[in-house]
């Protein structure tokens, strides 16, 4: 296979992942109620974790103690991301959820800068402010009222997701870690946490399953297979065949897909002010990503090596 064709295949698969993630908010919105959030997450993580564990077992590569420890810690944080995100989706629109969560793109460099002590360019803070103003306009949708509970929960999810990304860099950077092993341990950890939580809160799995008609059952399987297992496998495969920056750029189109799907399929109502907010979010996050990537190129060679190792970990 020629290099351009191979590159096209990688890019196409990454765009499919971004599109599937963009559709996650609509699919989850169709499947959950506040009482069924934990049951959905429990079943999703149990199935996804089992599929990933089967793939790891087929490879016959042992999960190391270091991978297990890092994966459990990251899995606890990831479970928090899923919880805030899914409870938020139950209380807001698919469009709002997909766009507000994209603030992770600006929160992550801010958090990494605070932890590492490496200052960011002043322009980055301007880009972050543009994106945050966009969220305020979108959440108010022209009425300038207090953001909904769902919007606030998604905002918290974006902050916790930034903590997850930063923690991953710290726990795996410059260390020999298998991405597939780390992902599997994280999903199994999430499954364990949500299984325990389901004993005390919300609908049990049998009750959740009885509410799945054929259409909703297909949507749930799509959530597990396409949005979870397929997405993580493609990430692991693609990052070794292209640059981390290219992976980040293509996966960064997720909010664009979320907007397209939310408005055209979910028929989410958006006012002129909301559309202005959408434009500011997309512009601010894209500009912030561009500034942060250029800033990485100015780092010392050792810092760049650590960042690349963390991205490929």
C-alpha atoms as a PDB file:
ATOM      1  CA  UNK A   1       0.000   0.000   0.000  1.00  0.00           C
ATOM      2  CA  UNK A   2       1.400   3.414  -0.974  1.00  0.00           C
ATOM      3  CA  UNK A   3       2.166   5.974   1.730  1.00  0.00           C
ATOM      4  CA  UNK A   4      -0.583   8.457   0.665  1.00  0.00           C
ATOM      5  CA  UNK A   5      -3.174   5.662   0.595  1.00  0.00           C
ATOM      6  CA  UNK A   6      -2.064   4.381   3.989  1.00  0.00           C
ATOM      7  CA  UNK A   7      -2.231   7.907   5.406  1.00  0.00           C
ATOM      8  CA  UNK A   8      -5.721   8.345   3.944  1.00  0.00           C
ATOM      9  CA  UNK A   9      -6.875   5.123   5.643  1.00  0.00           C
ATOM     10  CA  UNK A  10      -5.533   6.267   9.013  1.00  0.00           C
ATOM     11  CA  UNK A  11      -7.141   9.707   8.646  1.00  0.00           C
ATOM     12  CA  UNK A  12     -10.468   8.198   7.573  1.00  0.00           C
ATOM     13  CA  UNK A  13     -10.598   5.850  10.569  1.00  0.00           C
ATOM     14  CA  UNK A  14      -9.752   8.694  12.954  1.00  0.00           C
ATOM     15  CA  UNK A  15     -12.521  10.818  11.440  1.00  0.00           C
ATOM     16  CA  UNK A  16     -14.909   7.900  11.933  1.00  0.00           C
ATOM     17  CA  UNK A  17     -13.896   7.789  15.595  1.00  0.00           C
ATOM     18  CA  UNK A  18     -14.457  11.551  15.932  1.00  0.00           C
ATOM     19  CA  UNK A  19     -17.874  11.212  14.271  1.00  0.00           C
ATOM     20  CA  UNK A  20     -18.823   8.299  16.540  1.00  0.00           C
ATOM     21  CA  UNK A  21     -17.824  10.322  19.600  1.00  0.00           C
ATOM     22  CA  UNK A  22     -19.807  13.266  18.260  1.00  0.00           C
ATOM     23  CA  UNK A  23     -22.843  10.990  18.001  1.00  0.00           C
ATOM     24  CA  UNK A  24     -22.364   9.631  21.531  1.00  0.00           C
ATOM     25  CA  UNK A  25     -24.279  12.535  23.053  1.00  0.00           C
ATOM     26  CA  UNK A  26     -27.374  11.953  20.936  1.00  0.00           C
ATOM     27  CA  UNK A  27     -27.274   8.175  21.469  1.00  0.00           C
ATOM     28  CA  UNK A  28     -26.855   8.538  25.233  1.00  0.00           C
ATOM     29  CA  UNK A  29     -29.603  11.185  25.296  1.00  0.00           C
ATOM     30  CA  UNK A  30     -31.947   8.672  23.668  1.00  0.00           C
ATOM     31  CA  UNK A  31     -31.023   5.908  26.128  1.00  0.00           C
ATOM     32  CA  UNK A  32     -30.802   7.485  29.567  1.00  0.00           C
ATOM     33  CA  UNK A  33     -32.941   9.004  32.227  1.00  0.00           C
ATOM     34  CA  UNK A  34     -31.494  10.280  35.521  1.00  0.00           C
ATOM     35  CA  UNK A  35     -32.446   6.956  37.151  1.00  0.00           C
ATOM     36  CA  UNK A  36     -30.856   4.776  34.459  1.00  0.00           C
ATOM     37  CA  UNK A  37     -27.480   6.531  34.113  1.00  0.00           C
ATOM     38  CA  UNK A  38     -25.565   4.166  36.403  1.00  0.00           C
ATOM     39  CA  UNK A  39     -27.173   1.046  34.898  1.00  0.00           C
ATOM     40  CA  UNK A  40     -26.267   2.182  31.373  1.00  0.00           C
ATOM     41  CA  UNK A  41     -22.681   2.960  32.388  1.00  0.00           C
ATOM     42  CA  UNK A  42     -22.363  -0.318  34.274  1.00  0.00           C
ATOM     43  CA  UNK A  43     -23.551  -2.406  31.326  1.00  0.00           C
ATOM     44  CA  UNK A  44     -21.561  -0.354  28.803  1.00  0.00           C
ATOM     45  CA  UNK A  45     -18.321  -0.721  30.760  1.00  0.00           C
ATOM     46  CA  UNK A  46     -18.912  -4.412  31.538  1.00  0.00           C
ATOM     47  CA  UNK A  47     -19.357  -5.262  27.854  1.00  0.00           C
ATOM     48  CA  UNK A  48     -16.583  -2.964  26.618  1.00  0.00           C
ATOM     49  CA  UNK A  49     -14.194  -4.149  29.323  1.00  0.00           C
ATOM     50  CA  UNK A  50     -14.946  -7.796  28.533  1.00  0.00           C
ATOM     51  CA  UNK A  51     -14.331  -7.277  24.809  1.00  0.00           C
ATOM     52  CA  UNK A  52     -11.060  -5.448  25.447  1.00  0.00           C
ATOM     53  CA  UNK A  53      -9.960  -8.095  27.967  1.00  0.00           C
ATOM     54  CA  UNK A  54     -10.626 -10.796  25.353  1.00  0.00           C
ATOM     55  CA  UNK A  55      -8.411  -8.945  22.865  1.00  0.00           C
ATOM     56  CA  UNK A  56      -5.633  -8.604  25.458  1.00  0.00           C
ATOM     57  CA  UNK A  57      -5.907 -12.310  26.325  1.00  0.00           C
ATOM     58  CA  UNK A  58      -5.684 -13.245  22.641  1.00  0.00           C
ATOM     59  CA  UNK A  59      -2.409 -11.295  22.354  1.00  0.00           C
ATOM     60  CA  UNK A  60      -0.984 -13.287  25.287  1.00  0.00           C
ATOM     61  CA  UNK A  61       0.926 -10.318  26.629  1.00  0.00           C
ATOM     62  CA  UNK A  62       0.808 -10.083  30.412  1.00  0.00           C
ATOM     63  CA  UNK A  63      -0.429  -6.883  32.031  1.00  0.00           C
ATOM     64  CA  UNK A  64       2.414  -5.606  34.213  1.00  0.00           C
ATOM     65  CA  UNK A  65       2.012  -4.429  37.787  1.00  0.00           C
ATOM     66  CA  UNK A  66       2.898  -0.875  36.738  1.00  0.00           C
ATOM     67  CA  UNK A  67       0.235  -0.927  34.007  1.00  0.00           C
ATOM     68  CA  UNK A  68      -2.301  -2.273  36.479  1.00  0.00           C
ATOM     69  CA  UNK A  69      -1.563   0.418  39.057  1.00  0.00           C
ATOM     70  CA  UNK A  70      -1.620   3.257  36.510  1.00  0.00           C
ATOM     71  CA  UNK A  71      -4.735   1.861  34.837  1.00  0.00           C
ATOM     72  CA  UNK A  72      -6.683   1.633  38.116  1.00  0.00           C
ATOM     73  CA  UNK A  73      -5.833   5.235  39.057  1.00  0.00           C
ATOM     74  CA  UNK A  74      -6.730   6.499  35.583  1.00  0.00           C
ATOM     75  CA  UNK A  75      -9.857   4.319  35.575  1.00  0.00           C
ATOM     76  CA  UNK A  76     -11.146   5.970  38.754  1.00  0.00           C
ATOM     77  CA  UNK A  77     -10.766   9.400  37.129  1.00  0.00           C
ATOM     78  CA  UNK A  78     -12.286   8.137  33.862  1.00  0.00           C
ATOM     79  CA  UNK A  79     -15.300   6.785  35.757  1.00  0.00           C
ATOM     80  CA  UNK A  80     -15.831  10.296  37.134  1.00  0.00           C
ATOM     81  CA  UNK A  81     -15.706  11.690  33.585  1.00  0.00           C
ATOM     82  CA  UNK A  82     -18.323   9.193  32.374  1.00  0.00           C
ATOM     83  CA  UNK A  83     -20.546   9.847  35.400  1.00  0.00           C
ATOM     84  CA  UNK A  84     -20.572  13.652  35.145  1.00  0.00           C
ATOM     85  CA  UNK A  85     -20.876  13.490  31.355  1.00  0.00           C
ATOM     86  CA  UNK A  86     -23.763  11.021  31.270  1.00  0.00           C
ATOM     87  CA  UNK A  87     -25.717  12.629  34.106  1.00  0.00           C
ATOM     88  CA  UNK A  88     -25.184  15.925  32.270  1.00  0.00           C
ATOM     89  CA  UNK A  89     -26.505  14.494  28.998  1.00  0.00           C
ATOM     90  CA  UNK A  90     -29.671  13.441  30.834  1.00  0.00           C
ATOM     91  CA  UNK A  91     -30.312  17.101  31.705  1.00  0.00           C
ATOM     92  CA  UNK A  92     -29.223  19.015  28.579  1.00  0.00           C
ATOM     93  CA  UNK A  93     -29.291  18.798  24.794  1.00  0.00           C
ATOM     94  CA  UNK A  94     -26.953  16.664  22.678  1.00  0.00           C
ATOM     95  CA  UNK A  95     -25.605  19.817  20.989  1.00  0.00           C
ATOM     96  CA  UNK A  96     -24.787  21.546  24.285  1.00  0.00           C
ATOM     97  CA  UNK A  97     -23.123  18.433  25.693  1.00  0.00           C
ATOM     98  CA  UNK A  98     -20.933  17.858  22.640  1.00  0.00           C
ATOM     99  CA  UNK A  99     -19.738  21.453  22.564  1.00  0.00           C
ATOM    100  CA  UNK A 100     -19.221  22.107  26.272  1.00  0.00           C
ATOM    101  CA  UNK A 101     -17.153  18.923  26.665  1.00  0.00           C
ATOM    102  CA  UNK A 102     -14.846  20.256  23.925  1.00  0.00           C
ATOM    103  CA  UNK A 103     -13.536  22.794  26.463  1.00  0.00           C
ATOM    104  CA  UNK A 104     -11.255  19.951  27.546  1.00  0.00           C
ATOM    105  CA  UNK A 105      -9.046  21.165  24.684  1.00  0.00           C
ATOM    106  CA  UNK A 106      -8.365  24.431  26.530  1.00  0.00           C
ATOM    107  CA  UNK A 107      -8.578  23.115  30.105  1.00  0.00           C
ATOM    108  CA  UNK A 108      -5.897  20.449  29.550  1.00  0.00           C
ATOM    109  CA  UNK A 109      -3.038  22.810  28.572  1.00  0.00           C
ATOM    110  CA  UNK A 110      -4.025  25.150  31.408  1.00  0.00           C
ATOM    111  CA  UNK A 111      -3.835  22.327  33.932  1.00  0.00           C
ATOM    112  CA  UNK A 112      -0.632  20.924  32.442  1.00  0.00           C
ATOM    113  CA  UNK A 113       0.951  24.384  32.582  1.00  0.00           C
ATOM    114  CA  UNK A 114      -0.005  24.766  36.261  1.00  0.00           C
ATOM    115  CA  UNK A 115       1.404  21.326  37.138  1.00  0.00           C
ATOM    116  CA  UNK A 116       4.591  21.519  35.049  1.00  0.00           C
ATOM    117  CA  UNK A 117       5.365  25.170  35.660  1.00  0.00           C
ATOM    118  CA  UNK A 118       5.712  25.818  31.900  1.00  0.00           C
ATOM    119  CA  UNK A 119       3.846  29.075  31.150  1.00  0.00           C
ATOM    120  CA  UNK A 120       1.524  29.276  28.152  1.00  0.00           C
ATOM    121  CA  UNK A 121       1.544  32.155  25.644  1.00  0.00           C
ATOM    122  CA  UNK A 122      -0.813  35.016  26.473  1.00  0.00           C
ATOM    123  CA  UNK A 123      -2.776  34.379  23.265  1.00  0.00           C
ATOM    124  CA  UNK A 124      -3.843  30.985  24.608  1.00  0.00           C
ATOM    125  CA  UNK A 125      -5.739  32.623  27.479  1.00  0.00           C
ATOM    126  CA  UNK A 126      -7.533  34.850  24.970  1.00  0.00           C
ATOM    127  CA  UNK A 127      -8.530  31.756  22.957  1.00  0.00           C
ATOM    128  CA  UNK A 128      -9.733  30.053  26.149  1.00  0.00           C
ATOM    129  CA  UNK A 129     -11.812  33.114  27.083  1.00  0.00           C
ATOM    130  CA  UNK A 130     -13.417  33.171  23.613  1.00  0.00           C
ATOM    131  CA  UNK A 131     -14.419  29.507  23.998  1.00  0.00           C
ATOM    132  CA  UNK A 132     -15.800  30.061  27.510  1.00  0.00           C
ATOM    133  CA  UNK A 133     -17.859  33.065  26.348  1.00  0.00           C
ATOM    134  CA  UNK A 134     -19.174  30.826  23.585  1.00  0.00           C
ATOM    135  CA  UNK A 135     -20.286  28.255  26.155  1.00  0.00           C
ATOM    136  CA  UNK A 136     -22.096  30.958  28.141  1.00  0.00           C
ATOM    137  CA  UNK A 137     -23.937  32.130  25.007  1.00  0.00           C
ATOM    138  CA  UNK A 138     -24.822  28.587  23.953  1.00  0.00           C
ATOM    139  CA  UNK A 139     -25.985  27.532  27.419  1.00  0.00           C
ATOM    140  CA  UNK A 140     -28.196  30.633  27.765  1.00  0.00           C
ATOM    141  CA  UNK A 141     -29.397  30.291  24.116  1.00  0.00           C
ATOM    142  CA  UNK A 142     -30.240  33.981  23.944  1.00  0.00           C
ATOM    143  CA  UNK A 143     -32.120  34.284  27.239  1.00  0.00           C
ATOM    144  CA  UNK A 144     -29.066  34.925  29.470  1.00  0.00           C
ATOM    145  CA  UNK A 145     -30.478  32.716  32.189  1.00  0.00           C
ATOM    146  CA  UNK A 146     -28.587  30.498  34.614  1.00  0.00           C
ATOM    147  CA  UNK A 147     -27.064  27.489  32.796  1.00  0.00           C
ATOM    148  CA  UNK A 148     -28.976  24.249  33.294  1.00  0.00           C
ATOM    149  CA  UNK A 149     -27.853  21.523  35.686  1.00  0.00           C
ATOM    150  CA  UNK A 150     -26.867  19.419  32.666  1.00  0.00           C
ATOM    151  CA  UNK A 151     -24.650  22.179  31.245  1.00  0.00           C
ATOM    152  CA  UNK A 152     -22.859  22.553  34.590  1.00  0.00           C
ATOM    153  CA  UNK A 153     -22.334  18.786  34.906  1.00  0.00           C
ATOM    154  CA  UNK A 154     -20.869  18.628  31.380  1.00  0.00           C
ATOM    155  CA  UNK A 155     -18.575  21.543  32.270  1.00  0.00           C
ATOM    156  CA  UNK A 156     -17.351  19.605  35.327  1.00  0.00           C
ATOM    157  CA  UNK A 157     -16.864  16.559  33.071  1.00  0.00           C
ATOM    158  CA  UNK A 158     -14.656  18.655  30.772  1.00  0.00           C
ATOM    159  CA  UNK A 159     -12.515  19.710  33.747  1.00  0.00           C
ATOM    160  CA  UNK A 160     -12.228  16.124  35.042  1.00  0.00           C
ATOM    161  CA  UNK A 161     -11.393  14.898  31.529  1.00  0.00           C
ATOM    162  CA  UNK A 162      -8.526  17.428  31.479  1.00  0.00           C
ATOM    163  CA  UNK A 163      -7.354  15.956  34.807  1.00  0.00           C
ATOM    164  CA  UNK A 164      -7.531  12.481  33.237  1.00  0.00           C
ATOM    165  CA  UNK A 165      -5.404  13.508  30.233  1.00  0.00           C
ATOM    166  CA  UNK A 166      -2.854  15.298  32.414  1.00  0.00           C
ATOM    167  CA  UNK A 167      -2.684  12.345  34.810  1.00  0.00           C
ATOM    168  CA  UNK A 168      -2.119   9.994  31.883  1.00  0.00           C
ATOM    169  CA  UNK A 169       0.890  12.042  30.792  1.00  0.00           C
ATOM    170  CA  UNK A 170       2.285  11.995  34.319  1.00  0.00           C
ATOM    171  CA  UNK A 171       1.722   8.271  34.899  1.00  0.00           C
ATOM    172  CA  UNK A 172       2.778   6.957  31.493  1.00  0.00           C
ATOM    173  CA  UNK A 173       5.151   9.509  29.988  1.00  0.00           C
ATOM    174  CA  UNK A 174       8.621   8.162  29.147  1.00  0.00           C
ATOM    175  CA  UNK A 175       7.685   4.759  30.599  1.00  0.00           C
ATOM    176  CA  UNK A 176       7.129   1.459  28.761  1.00  0.00           C
ATOM    177  CA  UNK A 177       3.356   1.089  28.891  1.00  0.00           C
ATOM    178  CA  UNK A 178       1.057  -0.824  26.553  1.00  0.00           C
ATOM    179  CA  UNK A 179      -1.843   1.446  25.503  1.00  0.00           C
ATOM    180  CA  UNK A 180      -4.184  -1.509  25.028  1.00  0.00           C
ATOM    181  CA  UNK A 181      -3.440  -2.815  28.526  1.00  0.00           C
ATOM    182  CA  UNK A 182      -3.950   0.621  30.081  1.00  0.00           C
ATOM    183  CA  UNK A 183      -7.252   1.104  28.271  1.00  0.00           C
ATOM    184  CA  UNK A 184      -8.508  -2.339  29.282  1.00  0.00           C
ATOM    185  CA  UNK A 185      -7.628  -1.836  32.955  1.00  0.00           C
ATOM    186  CA  UNK A 186      -9.339   1.559  32.914  1.00  0.00           C
ATOM    187  CA  UNK A 187     -12.554   0.143  31.433  1.00  0.00           C
ATOM    188  CA  UNK A 188     -12.590  -2.791  33.858  1.00  0.00           C
ATOM    189  CA  UNK A 189     -12.040  -0.350  36.737  1.00  0.00           C
ATOM    190  CA  UNK A 190     -14.965   1.747  35.485  1.00  0.00           C
ATOM    191  CA  UNK A 191     -17.122  -1.394  35.255  1.00  0.00           C
ATOM    192  CA  UNK A 192     -16.243  -2.298  38.855  1.00  0.00           C
ATOM    193  CA  UNK A 193     -17.060   1.192  40.152  1.00  0.00           C
ATOM    194  CA  UNK A 194     -20.395   1.421  38.360  1.00  0.00           C
ATOM    195  CA  UNK A 195     -21.336  -2.121  39.375  1.00  0.00           C
ATOM    196  CA  UNK A 196     -20.799  -1.149  43.004  1.00  0.00           C
ATOM    197  CA  UNK A 197     -22.660   2.148  42.568  1.00  0.00           C
ATOM    198  CA  UNK A 198     -25.656   0.375  40.996  1.00  0.00           C
ATOM    199  CA  UNK A 199     -26.230  -1.434  44.293  1.00  0.00           C
ATOM    200  CA  UNK A 200     -27.131   1.887  45.921  1.00  0.00           C
ATOM    201  CA  UNK A 201     -28.488   4.136  43.173  1.00  0.00           C
ATOM    202  CA  UNK A 202     -30.838   4.016  40.219  1.00  0.00           C
ATOM    203  CA  UNK A 203     -32.416   1.288  38.161  1.00  0.00           C
ATOM    204  CA  UNK A 204     -30.877  -2.214  38.176  1.00  0.00           C
ATOM    205  CA  UNK A 205     -29.601  -3.622  34.880  1.00  0.00           C
ATOM    206  CA  UNK A 206     -32.628  -5.949  34.372  1.00  0.00           C
ATOM    207  CA  UNK A 207     -34.962  -2.948  34.634  1.00  0.00           C
ATOM    208  CA  UNK A 208     -32.810  -0.995  32.171  1.00  0.00           C
ATOM    209  CA  UNK A 209     -32.762  -3.903  29.724  1.00  0.00           C
ATOM    210  CA  UNK A 210     -36.555  -4.282  29.781  1.00  0.00           C
ATOM    211  CA  UNK A 211     -36.806  -0.725  28.477  1.00  0.00           C
ATOM    212  CA  UNK A 212     -34.662  -1.476  25.420  1.00  0.00           C
ATOM    213  CA  UNK A 213     -36.817  -2.033  22.352  1.00  0.00           C
ATOM    214  CA  UNK A 214     -34.991  -3.255  19.196  1.00  0.00           C
ATOM    215  CA  UNK A 215     -34.128   0.311  18.106  1.00  0.00           C
ATOM    216  CA  UNK A 216     -32.715   1.295  21.501  1.00  0.00           C
ATOM    217  CA  UNK A 217     -30.878  -2.040  21.788  1.00  0.00           C
ATOM    218  CA  UNK A 218     -29.090  -1.331  18.493  1.00  0.00           C
ATOM    219  CA  UNK A 219     -28.211   2.163  19.744  1.00  0.00           C
ATOM    220  CA  UNK A 220     -26.794   0.709  22.959  1.00  0.00           C
ATOM    221  CA  UNK A 221     -24.656  -1.835  21.086  1.00  0.00           C
ATOM    222  CA  UNK A 222     -23.420   1.009  18.870  1.00  0.00           C
ATOM    223  CA  UNK A 223     -22.441   2.913  22.028  1.00  0.00           C
ATOM    224  CA  UNK A 224     -20.447  -0.078  23.303  1.00  0.00           C
ATOM    225  CA  UNK A 225     -18.849  -1.360  20.095  1.00  0.00           C
ATOM    226  CA  UNK A 226     -18.354   1.755  17.942  1.00  0.00           C
ATOM    227  CA  UNK A 227     -18.029   4.553  20.503  1.00  0.00           C
ATOM    228  CA  UNK A 228     -15.973   2.614  23.052  1.00  0.00           C
ATOM    229  CA  UNK A 229     -14.134  -0.504  21.823  1.00  0.00           C
ATOM    230  CA  UNK A 230     -13.639   0.530  18.173  1.00  0.00           C
ATOM    231  CA  UNK A 231     -12.644   4.074  19.163  1.00  0.00           C
ATOM    232  CA  UNK A 232      -9.996   2.999  21.668  1.00  0.00           C
ATOM    233  CA  UNK A 233      -8.581   0.357  19.331  1.00  0.00           C
ATOM    234  CA  UNK A 234      -8.294   2.824  16.442  1.00  0.00           C
ATOM    235  CA  UNK A 235      -6.580   5.357  18.691  1.00  0.00           C
ATOM    236  CA  UNK A 236      -4.052   2.750  19.809  1.00  0.00           C
ATOM    237  CA  UNK A 237      -3.464   1.615  16.222  1.00  0.00           C
ATOM    238  CA  UNK A 238      -3.346   5.063  14.603  1.00  0.00           C
ATOM    239  CA  UNK A 239      -1.006   6.815  17.009  1.00  0.00           C
ATOM    240  CA  UNK A 240       1.764   4.408  15.956  1.00  0.00           C
ATOM    241  CA  UNK A 241       1.168   5.090  12.245  1.00  0.00           C
ATOM    242  CA  UNK A 242       0.937   8.867  12.246  1.00  0.00           C
ATOM    243  CA  UNK A 243       1.934  11.767  14.488  1.00  0.00           C
ATOM    244  CA  UNK A 244       0.241  12.437  17.842  1.00  0.00           C
ATOM    245  CA  UNK A 245      -0.507  15.972  16.606  1.00  0.00           C
ATOM    246  CA  UNK A 246      -2.367  14.605  13.571  1.00  0.00           C
ATOM    247  CA  UNK A 247      -4.344  12.206  15.779  1.00  0.00           C
ATOM    248  CA  UNK A 248      -5.215  15.090  18.095  1.00  0.00           C
ATOM    249  CA  UNK A 249      -6.225  17.332  15.194  1.00  0.00           C
ATOM    250  CA  UNK A 250      -8.542  14.765  13.595  1.00  0.00           C
ATOM    251  CA  UNK A 251     -10.115  13.660  16.881  1.00  0.00           C
ATOM    252  CA  UNK A 252     -10.548  17.342  17.692  1.00  0.00           C
ATOM    253  CA  UNK A 253     -13.312  17.500  15.074  1.00  0.00           C
ATOM    254  CA  UNK A 254     -15.603  15.723  17.590  1.00  0.00           C
ATOM    255  CA  UNK A 255     -17.519  18.903  18.564  1.00  0.00           C
ATOM    256  CA  UNK A 256     -18.150  19.695  14.892  1.00  0.00           C
ATOM    257  CA  UNK A 257     -19.785  16.281  14.455  1.00  0.00           C
ATOM    258  CA  UNK A 258     -21.727  16.784  17.686  1.00  0.00           C
ATOM    259  CA  UNK A 259     -23.165  20.051  16.351  1.00  0.00           C
ATOM    260  CA  UNK A 260     -24.050  18.574  12.965  1.00  0.00           C
ATOM    261  CA  UNK A 261     -25.738  15.529  14.516  1.00  0.00           C
ATOM    262  CA  UNK A 262     -27.452  17.486  17.286  1.00  0.00           C
ATOM    263  CA  UNK A 263     -28.983  20.050  14.958  1.00  0.00           C
ATOM    264  CA  UNK A 264     -29.804  17.884  11.925  1.00  0.00           C
ATOM    265  CA  UNK A 265     -30.822  14.596  13.581  1.00  0.00           C
ATOM    266  CA  UNK A 266     -31.817  15.480  17.151  1.00  0.00           C
ATOM    267  CA  UNK A 267     -33.436  18.714  15.914  1.00  0.00           C
ATOM    268  CA  UNK A 268     -32.029  20.658  18.861  1.00  0.00           C
ATOM    269  CA  UNK A 269     -33.392  24.205  18.827  1.00  0.00           C
ATOM    270  CA  UNK A 270     -30.667  26.847  18.679  1.00  0.00           C
ATOM    271  CA  UNK A 271     -31.248  30.617  18.581  1.00  0.00           C
ATOM    272  CA  UNK A 272     -29.075  33.143  16.754  1.00  0.00           C
ATOM    273  CA  UNK A 273     -27.240  33.783  20.028  1.00  0.00           C
ATOM    274  CA  UNK A 274     -26.712  30.032  20.402  1.00  0.00           C
ATOM    275  CA  UNK A 275     -25.222  29.826  16.919  1.00  0.00           C
ATOM    276  CA  UNK A 276     -22.880  32.696  17.838  1.00  0.00           C
ATOM    277  CA  UNK A 277     -21.874  30.691  20.908  1.00  0.00           C
ATOM    278  CA  UNK A 278     -21.221  27.614  18.734  1.00  0.00           C
ATOM    279  CA  UNK A 279     -19.007  29.685  16.431  1.00  0.00           C
ATOM    280  CA  UNK A 280     -17.042  31.108  19.390  1.00  0.00           C
ATOM    281  CA  UNK A 281     -16.550  27.665  20.955  1.00  0.00           C
ATOM    282  CA  UNK A 282     -15.282  26.138  17.717  1.00  0.00           C
ATOM    283  CA  UNK A 283     -13.083  29.152  16.958  1.00  0.00           C
ATOM    284  CA  UNK A 284     -11.687  29.405  20.496  1.00  0.00           C
ATOM    285  CA  UNK A 285     -10.900  25.704  20.845  1.00  0.00           C
ATOM    286  CA  UNK A 286      -9.368  25.488  17.344  1.00  0.00           C
ATOM    287  CA  UNK A 287      -7.238  28.580  17.961  1.00  0.00           C
ATOM    288  CA  UNK A 288      -6.230  27.349  21.410  1.00  0.00           C
ATOM    289  CA  UNK A 289      -5.203  23.973  19.985  1.00  0.00           C
ATOM    290  CA  UNK A 290      -3.124  25.688  17.295  1.00  0.00           C
ATOM    291  CA  UNK A 291      -1.387  27.978  19.818  1.00  0.00           C
ATOM    292  CA  UNK A 292      -0.670  25.073  22.189  1.00  0.00           C
ATOM    293  CA  UNK A 293       0.776  22.904  19.400  1.00  0.00           C
ATOM    294  CA  UNK A 294       3.060  25.722  18.211  1.00  0.00           C
ATOM    295  CA  UNK A 295       4.082  26.292  21.823  1.00  0.00           C
ATOM    296  CA  UNK A 296       5.129  22.626  22.125  1.00  0.00           C
ATOM    297  CA  UNK A 297       7.522  23.103  19.218  1.00  0.00           C
ATOM    298  CA  UNK A 298       9.343  25.822  21.177  1.00  0.00           C
ATOM    299  CA  UNK A 299       9.936  23.580  24.204  1.00  0.00           C
ATOM    300  CA  UNK A 300      13.335  22.153  24.993  1.00  0.00           C
ATOM    301  CA  UNK A 301      14.129  18.890  23.146  1.00  0.00           C
ATOM    302  CA  UNK A 302      13.786  16.876  26.361  1.00  0.00           C
ATOM    303  CA  UNK A 303      10.314  18.339  27.029  1.00  0.00           C
ATOM    304  CA  UNK A 304       9.190  17.535  23.468  1.00  0.00           C
ATOM    305  CA  UNK A 305      10.466  13.979  23.859  1.00  0.00           C
ATOM    306  CA  UNK A 306       8.483  13.545  27.087  1.00  0.00           C
ATOM    307  CA  UNK A 307       5.316  14.923  25.512  1.00  0.00           C
ATOM    308  CA  UNK A 308       5.658  12.676  22.462  1.00  0.00           C
ATOM    309  CA  UNK A 309       6.309   9.635  24.664  1.00  0.00           C
ATOM    310  CA  UNK A 310       3.227  10.474  26.738  1.00  0.00           C
ATOM    311  CA  UNK A 311       1.091  10.845  23.620  1.00  0.00           C
ATOM    312  CA  UNK A 312       2.267   7.540  22.201  1.00  0.00           C
ATOM    313  CA  UNK A 313       2.097   5.735  25.557  1.00  0.00           C
END
